[in-house]
């Protein structure tokens, strides 16, 4: 991965068609593969691909891993708690989007 791509991946906005390998996700988030495995087990991120060698992560995974790490660092939340928080934030975003579409936002 080039430094330019790594720099791009550190931003908040990523295209949905961006795919990262496990190694690229680890490098971009500065985490170990074991930390990513734990986040996968808890549902924070969901890899595509049948086995570890073929795992690919969508661009949104980068944001979710960063958020989970912040929750852990700042609030002492474990991976399971981070998964719950991220799911609730996703639901909140979906509700706000629905309200905006209905003209109530």
C-alpha atoms as a PDB file:
ATOM      1  CA  UNK A   1       0.000   0.000   0.000  1.00  0.00           C
ATOM      2  CA  UNK A   2       1.423   3.386  -0.898  1.00  0.00           C
ATOM      3  CA  UNK A   3       1.784   6.159   1.650  1.00  0.00           C
ATOM      4  CA  UNK A   4      -0.641   8.242  -0.393  1.00  0.00           C
ATOM      5  CA  UNK A   5      -3.309   5.530  -0.203  1.00  0.00           C
ATOM      6  CA  UNK A   6      -2.648   5.015   3.500  1.00  0.00           C
ATOM      7  CA  UNK A   7      -3.062   8.752   4.040  1.00  0.00           C
ATOM      8  CA  UNK A   8      -6.329   8.712   2.091  1.00  0.00           C
ATOM      9  CA  UNK A   9      -7.604   5.798   4.150  1.00  0.00           C
ATOM     10  CA  UNK A  10      -6.980   7.722   7.357  1.00  0.00           C
ATOM     11  CA  UNK A  11      -9.692  10.230   6.423  1.00  0.00           C
ATOM     12  CA  UNK A  12     -13.314   9.943   7.431  1.00  0.00           C
ATOM     13  CA  UNK A  13     -14.849   9.732   3.948  1.00  0.00           C
ATOM     14  CA  UNK A  14     -14.333   6.492   2.065  1.00  0.00           C
ATOM     15  CA  UNK A  15     -16.012   5.118  -0.981  1.00  0.00           C
ATOM     16  CA  UNK A  16     -18.068   1.988  -0.514  1.00  0.00           C
ATOM     17  CA  UNK A  17     -16.094   0.190  -3.197  1.00  0.00           C
ATOM     18  CA  UNK A  18     -12.792   0.548  -1.299  1.00  0.00           C
ATOM     19  CA  UNK A  19     -11.604  -2.846  -0.134  1.00  0.00           C
ATOM     20  CA  UNK A  20      -8.893  -3.454   2.421  1.00  0.00           C
ATOM     21  CA  UNK A  21      -7.050  -6.638   3.242  1.00  0.00           C
ATOM     22  CA  UNK A  22      -6.581  -7.582   6.872  1.00  0.00           C
ATOM     23  CA  UNK A  23      -2.983  -6.333   6.739  1.00  0.00           C
ATOM     24  CA  UNK A  24      -4.054  -3.011   5.194  1.00  0.00           C
ATOM     25  CA  UNK A  25      -6.770  -2.505   7.813  1.00  0.00           C
ATOM     26  CA  UNK A  26      -4.296  -3.295  10.590  1.00  0.00           C
ATOM     27  CA  UNK A  27      -1.754  -0.839   9.195  1.00  0.00           C
ATOM     28  CA  UNK A  28      -4.288   1.916   8.607  1.00  0.00           C
ATOM     29  CA  UNK A  29      -5.735   1.581  12.120  1.00  0.00           C
ATOM     30  CA  UNK A  30      -2.424   0.756  13.806  1.00  0.00           C
ATOM     31  CA  UNK A  31      -3.846  -2.382  15.433  1.00  0.00           C
ATOM     32  CA  UNK A  32      -2.820  -6.015  15.535  1.00  0.00           C
ATOM     33  CA  UNK A  33      -4.596  -8.755  13.633  1.00  0.00           C
ATOM     34  CA  UNK A  34      -5.683 -10.168  16.994  1.00  0.00           C
ATOM     35  CA  UNK A  35      -7.486  -6.924  17.805  1.00  0.00           C
ATOM     36  CA  UNK A  36      -9.276  -7.072  14.448  1.00  0.00           C
ATOM     37  CA  UNK A  37     -10.208 -10.729  15.077  1.00  0.00           C
ATOM     38  CA  UNK A  38     -11.823  -9.691  18.362  1.00  0.00           C
ATOM     39  CA  UNK A  39     -13.750  -6.895  16.624  1.00  0.00           C
ATOM     40  CA  UNK A  40     -14.906  -9.347  13.941  1.00  0.00           C
ATOM     41  CA  UNK A  41     -16.056 -11.817  16.623  1.00  0.00           C
ATOM     42  CA  UNK A  42     -18.108  -9.102  18.301  1.00  0.00           C
ATOM     43  CA  UNK A  43     -19.609  -7.838  15.037  1.00  0.00           C
ATOM     44  CA  UNK A  44     -17.903  -4.436  14.975  1.00  0.00           C
ATOM     45  CA  UNK A  45     -16.667  -5.165  11.453  1.00  0.00           C
ATOM     46  CA  UNK A  46     -17.664  -7.870   9.009  1.00  0.00           C
ATOM     47  CA  UNK A  47     -15.113  -9.183   6.551  1.00  0.00           C
ATOM     48  CA  UNK A  48     -16.117 -10.454   3.158  1.00  0.00           C
ATOM     49  CA  UNK A  49     -14.519 -13.713   2.085  1.00  0.00           C
ATOM     50  CA  UNK A  50     -14.675 -17.269   3.328  1.00  0.00           C
ATOM     51  CA  UNK A  51     -11.339 -17.596   5.027  1.00  0.00           C
ATOM     52  CA  UNK A  52      -8.724 -15.370   6.568  1.00  0.00           C
ATOM     53  CA  UNK A  53      -6.532 -15.276   3.461  1.00  0.00           C
ATOM     54  CA  UNK A  54      -9.449 -13.933   1.420  1.00  0.00           C
ATOM     55  CA  UNK A  55     -10.870 -11.479   3.947  1.00  0.00           C
ATOM     56  CA  UNK A  56     -11.649  -8.036   2.559  1.00  0.00           C
ATOM     57  CA  UNK A  57     -13.059  -5.136   4.533  1.00  0.00           C
ATOM     58  CA  UNK A  58     -15.191  -2.331   3.136  1.00  0.00           C
ATOM     59  CA  UNK A  59     -14.076   1.248   3.636  1.00  0.00           C
ATOM     60  CA  UNK A  60     -16.603   1.764   6.433  1.00  0.00           C
ATOM     61  CA  UNK A  61     -14.691  -0.801   8.494  1.00  0.00           C
ATOM     62  CA  UNK A  62     -11.882   1.693   8.938  1.00  0.00           C
ATOM     63  CA  UNK A  63     -14.220   4.203  10.571  1.00  0.00           C
ATOM     64  CA  UNK A  64     -15.829   1.516  12.734  1.00  0.00           C
ATOM     65  CA  UNK A  65     -12.470   0.216  13.991  1.00  0.00           C
ATOM     66  CA  UNK A  66     -11.304   3.755  14.779  1.00  0.00           C
ATOM     67  CA  UNK A  67     -14.546   4.442  16.665  1.00  0.00           C
ATOM     68  CA  UNK A  68     -14.269   1.165  18.617  1.00  0.00           C
ATOM     69  CA  UNK A  69     -10.689   2.023  19.565  1.00  0.00           C
ATOM     70  CA  UNK A  70     -11.761   5.491  20.757  1.00  0.00           C
ATOM     71  CA  UNK A  71     -14.558   3.982  22.850  1.00  0.00           C
ATOM     72  CA  UNK A  72     -12.070   1.573  24.404  1.00  0.00           C
ATOM     73  CA  UNK A  73      -9.451   4.239  25.056  1.00  0.00           C
ATOM     74  CA  UNK A  74     -11.714   7.058  26.227  1.00  0.00           C
ATOM     75  CA  UNK A  75     -14.498   5.183  28.008  1.00  0.00           C
ATOM     76  CA  UNK A  76     -13.013   1.777  28.817  1.00  0.00           C
ATOM     77  CA  UNK A  77     -15.606   0.013  26.643  1.00  0.00           C
ATOM     78  CA  UNK A  78     -14.723  -3.536  25.561  1.00  0.00           C
ATOM     79  CA  UNK A  79     -15.247  -4.918  22.033  1.00  0.00           C
ATOM     80  CA  UNK A  80     -18.753  -6.194  22.825  1.00  0.00           C
ATOM     81  CA  UNK A  81     -19.729  -2.804  24.211  1.00  0.00           C
ATOM     82  CA  UNK A  82     -18.262  -1.052  21.188  1.00  0.00           C
ATOM     83  CA  UNK A  83     -20.300  -3.297  18.892  1.00  0.00           C
ATOM     84  CA  UNK A  84     -23.468  -2.356  20.769  1.00  0.00           C
ATOM     85  CA  UNK A  85     -22.649   1.361  20.686  1.00  0.00           C
ATOM     86  CA  UNK A  86     -21.883   1.245  16.955  1.00  0.00           C
ATOM     87  CA  UNK A  87     -25.131  -0.624  16.235  1.00  0.00           C
ATOM     88  CA  UNK A  88     -27.091   1.975  18.202  1.00  0.00           C
ATOM     89  CA  UNK A  89     -25.319   4.815  16.382  1.00  0.00           C
ATOM     90  CA  UNK A  90     -26.194   3.163  13.053  1.00  0.00           C
ATOM     91  CA  UNK A  91     -29.839   2.948  14.112  1.00  0.00           C
ATOM     92  CA  UNK A  92     -29.800   6.583  15.187  1.00  0.00           C
ATOM     93  CA  UNK A  93     -28.344   7.629  11.821  1.00  0.00           C
ATOM     94  CA  UNK A  94     -31.008   5.602  10.002  1.00  0.00           C
ATOM     95  CA  UNK A  95     -33.790   7.218  12.063  1.00  0.00           C
ATOM     96  CA  UNK A  96     -32.420  10.697  11.402  1.00  0.00           C
ATOM     97  CA  UNK A  97     -32.229   9.966   7.681  1.00  0.00           C
ATOM     98  CA  UNK A  98     -35.818   8.724   7.737  1.00  0.00           C
ATOM     99  CA  UNK A  99     -36.928  11.849   9.594  1.00  0.00           C
ATOM    100  CA  UNK A 100     -35.121  14.052   7.062  1.00  0.00           C
ATOM    101  CA  UNK A 101     -36.885  12.246   4.211  1.00  0.00           C
ATOM    102  CA  UNK A 102     -40.218  12.816   5.925  1.00  0.00           C
ATOM    103  CA  UNK A 103     -39.412  16.478   6.448  1.00  0.00           C
ATOM    104  CA  UNK A 104     -39.322  16.253  10.216  1.00  0.00           C
ATOM    105  CA  UNK A 105     -35.603  16.930  10.724  1.00  0.00           C
END
